[in-house]
C-alpha atoms as a PDB file:
ATOM      1  CA  MET A   1     -58.501   8.841-124.481  1.00  0.00           C
ATOM      2  CA  LYS A   2     -54.387   7.230-124.590  1.00  0.00           C
ATOM      3  CA  ARG A   3     -53.907   3.331-125.692  1.00  0.00           C
ATOM      4  CA  ILE A   4     -51.112   1.806-123.814  1.00  0.00           C
ATOM      5  CA  ILE A   5     -49.263  -1.139-125.820  1.00  0.00           C
ATOM      6  CA  ARG A   6     -47.414  -3.631-124.049  1.00  0.00           C
ATOM      7  CA  LEU A   7     -44.021  -4.578-125.850  1.00  0.00           C
ATOM      8  CA  THR A   8     -41.723  -7.340-125.260  1.00  0.00           C
ATOM      9  CA  GLU A   9     -38.419  -6.998-125.154  1.00  0.00           C
ATOM     10  CA  SER A  10     -37.632  -8.927-128.207  1.00  0.00           C
ATOM     11  CA  ASP A  11     -40.504  -6.687-130.264  1.00  0.00           C
ATOM     12  CA  LEU A  12     -38.689  -2.773-128.971  1.00  0.00           C
ATOM     13  CA  ALA A  13     -35.930  -5.032-130.700  1.00  0.00           C
ATOM     14  CA  ARG A  14     -37.060  -5.714-133.545  1.00  0.00           C
ATOM     15  CA  ILE A  15     -39.060  -2.447-134.197  1.00  0.00           C
ATOM     16  CA  VAL A  16     -35.522  -0.870-133.724  1.00  0.00           C
ATOM     17  CA  ARG A  17     -33.711  -3.208-135.702  1.00  0.00           C
ATOM     18  CA  ARG A  18     -36.096  -2.437-138.402  1.00  0.00           C
ATOM     19  CA  VAL A  19     -36.045   1.542-138.228  1.00  0.00           C
ATOM     20  CA  ILE A  20     -32.169   0.988-137.923  1.00  0.00           C
ATOM     21  CA  SER A  21     -31.812  -0.438-141.193  1.00  0.00           C
ATOM     22  CA  GLU A  22     -34.167   0.961-143.498  1.00  0.00           C
ATOM     23  CA  GLY A  23     -32.697   3.448-145.470  1.00  0.00           C
ATOM     24  CA  ASN A  24     -29.980   1.145-145.560  1.00  0.00           C
ATOM     25  CA  GLY A  25     -29.360   1.059-148.844  1.00  0.00           C
ATOM     26  CA  GLU A  26     -29.195   4.972-150.125  1.00  0.00           C
ATOM     27  CA  ASN A  27     -27.066   5.811-147.052  1.00  0.00           C
ATOM     28  CA  ALA A  28     -24.482   3.282-148.831  1.00  0.00           C
ATOM     29  CA  ILE A  29     -24.634   5.431-151.951  1.00  0.00           C
ATOM     30  CA  LYS A  30     -24.199   8.535-150.156  1.00  0.00           C
ATOM     31  CA  SER A  31     -21.208   7.317-148.785  1.00  0.00           C
ATOM     32  CA  ILE A  32     -20.300   5.829-151.982  1.00  0.00           C
ATOM     33  CA  THR A  33     -20.384   9.351-153.575  1.00  0.00           C
ATOM     34  CA  LYS A  34     -19.026  11.073-150.755  1.00  0.00           C
ATOM     35  CA  ALA A  35     -15.490   8.734-150.827  1.00  0.00           C
ATOM     36  CA  MET A  36     -15.250   9.055-154.653  1.00  0.00           C
ATOM     37  CA  SER A  37     -16.064  13.547-155.177  1.00  0.00           C
ATOM     38  CA  GLY A  38     -13.382  15.074-154.726  1.00  0.00           C
ATOM     39  CA  LEU A  39      -9.260  14.859-155.450  1.00  0.00           C
ATOM     40  CA  GLY A  40      -9.483  11.235-155.326  1.00  0.00           C
ATOM     41  CA  THR A  41     -10.775   8.355-153.684  1.00  0.00           C
ATOM     42  CA  ASP A  42     -11.254   6.932-150.626  1.00  0.00           C
ATOM     43  CA  GLU A  43     -11.438   3.199-151.590  1.00  0.00           C
ATOM     44  CA  ARG A  44     -11.127   2.420-148.007  1.00  0.00           C
ATOM     45  CA  ALA A  45     -15.022   4.467-147.208  1.00  0.00           C
ATOM     46  CA  ILE A  46     -16.154   2.681-150.780  1.00  0.00           C
ATOM     47  CA  GLN A  47     -15.301  -0.457-148.771  1.00  0.00           C
ATOM     48  CA  ARG A  48     -16.618   0.678-145.721  1.00  0.00           C
ATOM     49  CA  ALA A  49     -19.972   0.982-147.368  1.00  0.00           C
ATOM     50  CA  VAL A  50     -20.566  -1.709-149.534  1.00  0.00           C
ATOM     51  CA  TYR A  51     -20.090  -3.934-146.281  1.00  0.00           C
ATOM     52  CA  SER A  52     -22.886  -1.742-144.715  1.00  0.00           C
ATOM     53  CA  ILE A  53     -24.951  -3.416-147.092  1.00  0.00           C
ATOM     54  CA  LYS A  54     -26.022  -6.207-145.040  1.00  0.00           C
ATOM     55  CA  ASN A  55     -29.231  -7.842-147.239  1.00  0.00           C
ATOM     56  CA  LYS A  56     -31.340  -7.880-150.027  1.00  0.00           C
ATOM     57  CA  THR A  57     -33.017  -5.367-148.659  1.00  0.00           C
ATOM     58  CA  ASP A  58     -30.257  -3.325-149.011  1.00  0.00           C
ATOM     59  CA  TYR A  59     -29.434  -3.865-151.227  1.00  0.00           C
ATOM     60  CA  GLU A  60     -32.252  -3.513-154.035  1.00  0.00           C
ATOM     61  CA  GLU A  61     -32.446   0.096-152.137  1.00  0.00           C
ATOM     62  CA  ALA A  62     -29.335   0.525-152.601  1.00  0.00           C
ATOM     63  CA  LEU A  63     -29.799  -0.774-157.065  1.00  0.00           C
ATOM     64  CA  ALA A  64     -32.232   1.349-156.890  1.00  0.00           C
ATOM     65  CA  ALA A  65     -30.368   4.608-155.414  1.00  0.00           C
ATOM     66  CA  VAL A  66     -27.834   4.134-158.406  1.00  0.00           C
ATOM     67  CA  LYS A  67     -30.452   3.076-161.266  1.00  0.00           C
ATOM     68  CA  LYS A  68     -31.987   6.570-160.702  1.00  0.00           C
ATOM     69  CA  LEU A  69     -28.513   7.828-161.335  1.00  0.00           C
ATOM     70  CA  GLY A  70     -28.371   6.112-164.279  1.00  0.00           C
ATOM     71  CA  TYR A  71     -26.573   3.010-163.760  1.00  0.00           C
ATOM     72  CA  LYS A  72     -26.978  -0.510-164.100  1.00  0.00           C
ATOM     73  CA  THR A  73     -25.194  -1.929-161.354  1.00  0.00           C
ATOM     74  CA  ILE A  74     -23.535  -0.477-157.910  1.00  0.00           C
ATOM     75  CA  GLY A  75     -20.184  -1.924-159.289  1.00  0.00           C
ATOM     76  CA  ALA A  76     -20.896   0.489-162.299  1.00  0.00           C
ATOM     77  CA  TYR A  77     -21.202   3.131-160.685  1.00  0.00           C
ATOM     78  CA  ILE A  78     -18.693   2.353-158.600  1.00  0.00           C
ATOM     79  CA  SER A  79     -15.836   1.876-161.842  1.00  0.00           C
ATOM     80  CA  THR A  80     -16.543   5.163-162.994  1.00  0.00           C
ATOM     81  CA  ASP A  81     -14.070   6.091-161.095  1.00  0.00           C
ATOM     82  CA  MET A  82     -12.592   2.794-158.759  1.00  0.00           C
ATOM     83  CA  GLU A  83     -11.387  -0.314-161.220  1.00  0.00           C
ATOM     84  CA  TYR A  84      -8.906  -3.523-161.027  1.00  0.00           C
ATOM     85  CA  VAL A  85      -5.409  -2.991-162.246  1.00  0.00           C
ATOM     86  CA  PRO A  86      -4.445  -5.270-164.470  1.00  0.00           C
ATOM     87  CA  TYR A  87      -0.730  -7.260-163.611  1.00  0.00           C
ATOM     88  CA  GLY A  88       1.092  -5.836-166.077  1.00  0.00           C
ATOM     89  CA  SER A  89       0.297  -1.761-164.948  1.00  0.00           C
ATOM     90  CA  ASN A  90       0.519  -2.623-161.529  1.00  0.00           C
ATOM     91  CA  ILE A  91       4.114  -1.626-161.318  1.00  0.00           C
ATOM     92  CA  GLY A  92       5.324  -2.286-157.807  1.00  0.00           C
ATOM     93  CA  GLY A  93       2.518  -3.349-156.051  1.00  0.00           C
ATOM     94  CA  LEU A  94       1.586   0.361-156.051  1.00  0.00           C
ATOM     95  CA  TYR A  95      -1.774  -1.007-156.880  1.00  0.00           C
ATOM     96  CA  ASP A  96      -2.026  -4.285-154.688  1.00  0.00           C
ATOM     97  CA  GLU A  97      -4.500  -2.871-152.114  1.00  0.00           C
ATOM     98  CA  GLN A  98      -7.285  -1.174-154.700  1.00  0.00           C
ATOM     99  CA  ASN A  99      -6.954  -4.953-156.528  1.00  0.00           C
ATOM    100  CA  ASP A 100      -7.828  -6.628-152.828  1.00  0.00           C
ATOM    101  CA  ILE A 101     -10.429  -3.940-151.959  1.00  0.00           C
ATOM    102  CA  VAL A 102     -11.862  -4.312-155.317  1.00  0.00           C
ATOM    103  CA  ASP A 103     -11.766  -8.331-154.864  1.00  0.00           C
ATOM    104  CA  GLU A 104     -13.687  -7.710-151.355  1.00  0.00           C
ATOM    105  CA  VAL A 105     -16.264  -5.193-153.221  1.00  0.00           C
ATOM    106  CA  GLU A 106     -17.504  -7.577-155.877  1.00  0.00           C
ATOM    107  CA  ARG A 107     -17.183 -10.731-153.515  1.00  0.00           C
ATOM    108  CA  HIS A 108     -19.506  -8.784-151.177  1.00  0.00           C
ATOM    109  CA  LEU A 109     -22.149  -7.492-154.202  1.00  0.00           C
ATOM    110  CA  GLY A 110     -21.529 -10.896-155.486  1.00  0.00           C
ATOM    111  CA  GLN A 111     -23.817 -12.656-152.650  1.00  0.00           C
ATOM    112  CA  PHE A 112     -26.735 -10.562-154.268  1.00  0.00           C
ATOM    113  CA  ASN A 113     -26.261 -10.375-157.194  1.00  0.00           C
ATOM    114  CA  SER A 114     -23.716 -12.338-159.597  1.00  0.00           C
ATOM    115  CA  SER A 115     -23.856 -10.240-161.929  1.00  0.00           C
ATOM    116  CA  GLU A 116     -22.453  -7.092-159.522  1.00  0.00           C
ATOM    117  CA  LYS A 117     -19.010  -6.812-160.928  1.00  0.00           C
ATOM    118  CA  VAL A 118     -17.039  -3.703-160.535  1.00  0.00           C
ATOM    119  CA  SER A 119     -15.371  -3.195-163.407  1.00  0.00           C
ATOM    120  CA  SER A 120     -14.960  -6.561-166.048  1.00  0.00           C
ATOM    121  CA  ALA A 121     -13.563  -7.389-169.374  1.00  0.00           C
ATOM    122  CA  ASP A 122     -17.540  -6.868-171.050  1.00  0.00           C
ATOM    123  CA  THR A 123     -17.546  -2.979-169.181  1.00  0.00           C
ATOM    124  CA  LYS A 124     -13.316  -1.906-170.889  1.00  0.00           C
ATOM    125  CA  GLY A 125     -13.425   0.583-172.716  1.00  0.00           C
ATOM    126  CA  THR A 126     -17.427   1.060-172.935  1.00  0.00           C
ATOM    127  CA  SER A 127     -19.784   3.636-171.236  1.00  0.00           C
ATOM    128  CA  TYR A 128     -18.998   1.590-167.370  1.00  0.00           C
ATOM    129  CA  GLY A 129     -22.120   0.500-166.768  1.00  0.00           C
ATOM    130  CA  ARG A 130     -24.202   3.150-167.978  1.00  0.00           C
ATOM    131  CA  THR A 131     -28.072   3.263-169.021  1.00  0.00           C
ATOM    132  CA  GLU A 132     -29.100   6.125-172.105  1.00  0.00           C
ATOM    133  CA  LYS A 133     -30.835   8.215-168.433  1.00  0.00           C
ATOM    134  CA  SER A 134     -27.172   8.448-167.196  1.00  0.00           C
ATOM    135  CA  PRO A 135     -25.703  12.247-166.541  1.00  0.00           C
ATOM    136  CA  LYS A 136     -23.327  13.292-168.991  1.00  0.00           C
ATOM    137  CA  ASN A 137     -21.492  15.336-167.196  1.00  0.00           C
ATOM    138  CA  LYS A 138     -20.494  12.851-164.717  1.00  0.00           C
ATOM    139  CA  PRO A 139     -16.777  12.054-165.387  1.00  0.00           C
ATOM    140  CA  PHE A 140     -15.739   8.533-165.803  1.00  0.00           C
ATOM    141  CA  LYS A 141     -12.359   6.976-166.400  1.00  0.00           C
ATOM    142  CA  ASP A 142     -11.382   6.767-170.713  1.00  0.00           C
ATOM    143  CA  ILE A 143      -9.248   4.024-171.152  1.00  0.00           C
ATOM    144  CA  ASN A 144      -8.720   4.686-175.391  1.00  0.00           C
END
């Protein structure tokens, strides 16, 4: 016997929003990984992927996906391919756009967790926030 369920328009809209938002955090990390792969980094794609993290639930999903890869924060993962370029190294304003994107990414992630930094003084010269479980074959920039 079939059962008929009556839904209001607001019930249907709420269900659709919930279905669309499920997996948003994991999809953001997949998009970030894709933007960092290959030759060069697509900074704008990273920024768009980070902006797709719209709430605490999405952030926690994304953070869990990054921790599976062996990183402590999303910013630490992004730092393996992109970082803030200090003023003295920024010859001719070449990296101004990248620095603006890094600032925006940090600002957006910072609303969910204040420890989210794409690069900072405490991670420079280290393994960029890797944990012991980080894959050893994942290349990252050596600043020595």
